Amino acid sequence: MKLEIKKIGNSTGLILPKELVTRLGLEQGDTLNVIEEPDRSFRLTPYNQDDDETMELARQAMKDYKNALHELAK
């Protein structure tokens, strides 16, 4: 499916066709995460606040165990 990036007020955005929104089970006002892939593609996933909390715990653990993780990476 080909989508066009459009100017929306002072912003830029994508307009999702109604059939795609319906097929994905989305509703106006839903929040999505954008995940950038190494090949410059991206993936949209439903936003889940638990994911943010999990990532914050992971960041803190990586900070706390930075030296140990560095040694393990060798």
Protein backbone atom coordinates (compact mmCIF):
# COMPACT_ATOMS: atom_id res chain seq x y z
CA MET A 1 0.00 0.00 0.00
CA LYS A 2 1.43 3.36 -1.01
CA LEU A 3 0.95 6.30 1.37
CA GLU A 4 1.87 9.93 0.81
CA ILE A 5 3.37 12.23 3.43
CA LYS A 6 1.23 15.38 3.57
CA LYS A 7 1.28 18.76 5.26
CA ILE A 8 -1.29 18.89 8.05
CA GLY A 9 -1.47 22.38 9.54
CA ASN A 10 2.05 23.18 10.73
CA SER A 11 2.96 19.49 10.86
CA THR A 12 3.66 16.67 8.44
CA GLY A 13 1.82 13.38 8.63
CA LEU A 14 0.49 10.26 6.98
CA ILE A 15 -3.17 9.79 6.25
CA LEU A 16 -4.15 6.15 6.77
CA PRO A 17 -6.93 4.93 4.50
CA LYS A 18 -10.11 3.93 6.31
CA GLU A 19 -9.85 0.30 5.17
CA LEU A 20 -6.33 0.03 6.66
CA VAL A 21 -7.43 1.60 9.95
CA THR A 22 -10.34 -0.83 10.11
CA ARG A 23 -8.20 -3.85 9.20
CA LEU A 24 -5.64 -2.96 11.90
CA GLY A 25 -8.35 -2.38 14.50
CA LEU A 26 -7.28 1.22 15.08
CA GLU A 27 -9.44 4.14 16.09
CA GLN A 28 -8.98 7.87 15.86
CA GLY A 29 -6.92 9.01 18.84
CA ASP A 30 -5.01 5.71 19.25
CA THR A 31 -1.30 6.06 19.96
CA LEU A 32 1.32 4.09 18.04
CA ASN A 33 5.04 3.44 18.47
CA VAL A 34 7.34 3.78 15.48
CA ILE A 35 10.19 1.26 15.46
CA GLU A 36 13.02 2.07 13.05
CA GLU A 37 14.57 -0.99 11.43
CA PRO A 38 18.23 -1.23 10.33
CA ASP A 39 17.23 -1.26 6.65
CA ARG A 40 15.56 2.19 7.00
CA SER A 41 12.09 0.66 7.07
CA PHE A 42 9.84 1.12 10.05
CA ARG A 43 7.20 -0.78 11.93
CA LEU A 44 4.15 0.65 13.68
CA THR A 45 2.98 -1.06 16.84
CA PRO A 46 0.23 -0.19 19.31
CA TYR A 47 1.53 1.97 22.16
CA ASN A 48 1.77 0.17 25.46
CA GLN A 49 2.81 2.13 28.56
CA ASP A 50 4.28 -1.08 30.00
CA ASP A 51 6.85 -0.99 27.16
CA ASP A 52 8.07 2.43 28.32
CA GLU A 53 8.40 1.21 31.89
CA THR A 54 10.26 -1.92 30.75
CA MET A 55 12.66 0.13 28.64
CA GLU A 56 13.35 2.49 31.55
CA LEU A 57 14.18 -0.50 33.78
CA ALA A 58 16.46 -1.89 31.04
CA ARG A 59 18.23 1.47 30.62
CA GLN A 60 18.79 1.72 34.37
CA ALA A 61 20.14 -1.85 34.52
CA MET A 62 22.51 -1.15 31.61
CA LYS A 63 23.73 1.98 33.38
CA ASP A 64 24.16 0.18 36.73
CA TYR A 65 26.00 -2.78 35.15
CA LYS A 66 27.84 -0.89 32.41
CA ASN A 67 31.27 -2.27 33.33
CA ALA A 68 30.07 -5.86 33.65
CA LEU A 69 28.22 -5.66 30.33
CA HIS A 70 31.31 -4.18 28.69
CA GLU A 71 33.42 -7.10 29.95
CA LEU A 72 30.86 -9.65 28.79
CA ALA A 73 30.81 -8.09 25.32
CA LYS A 74 34.52 -8.84 24.83
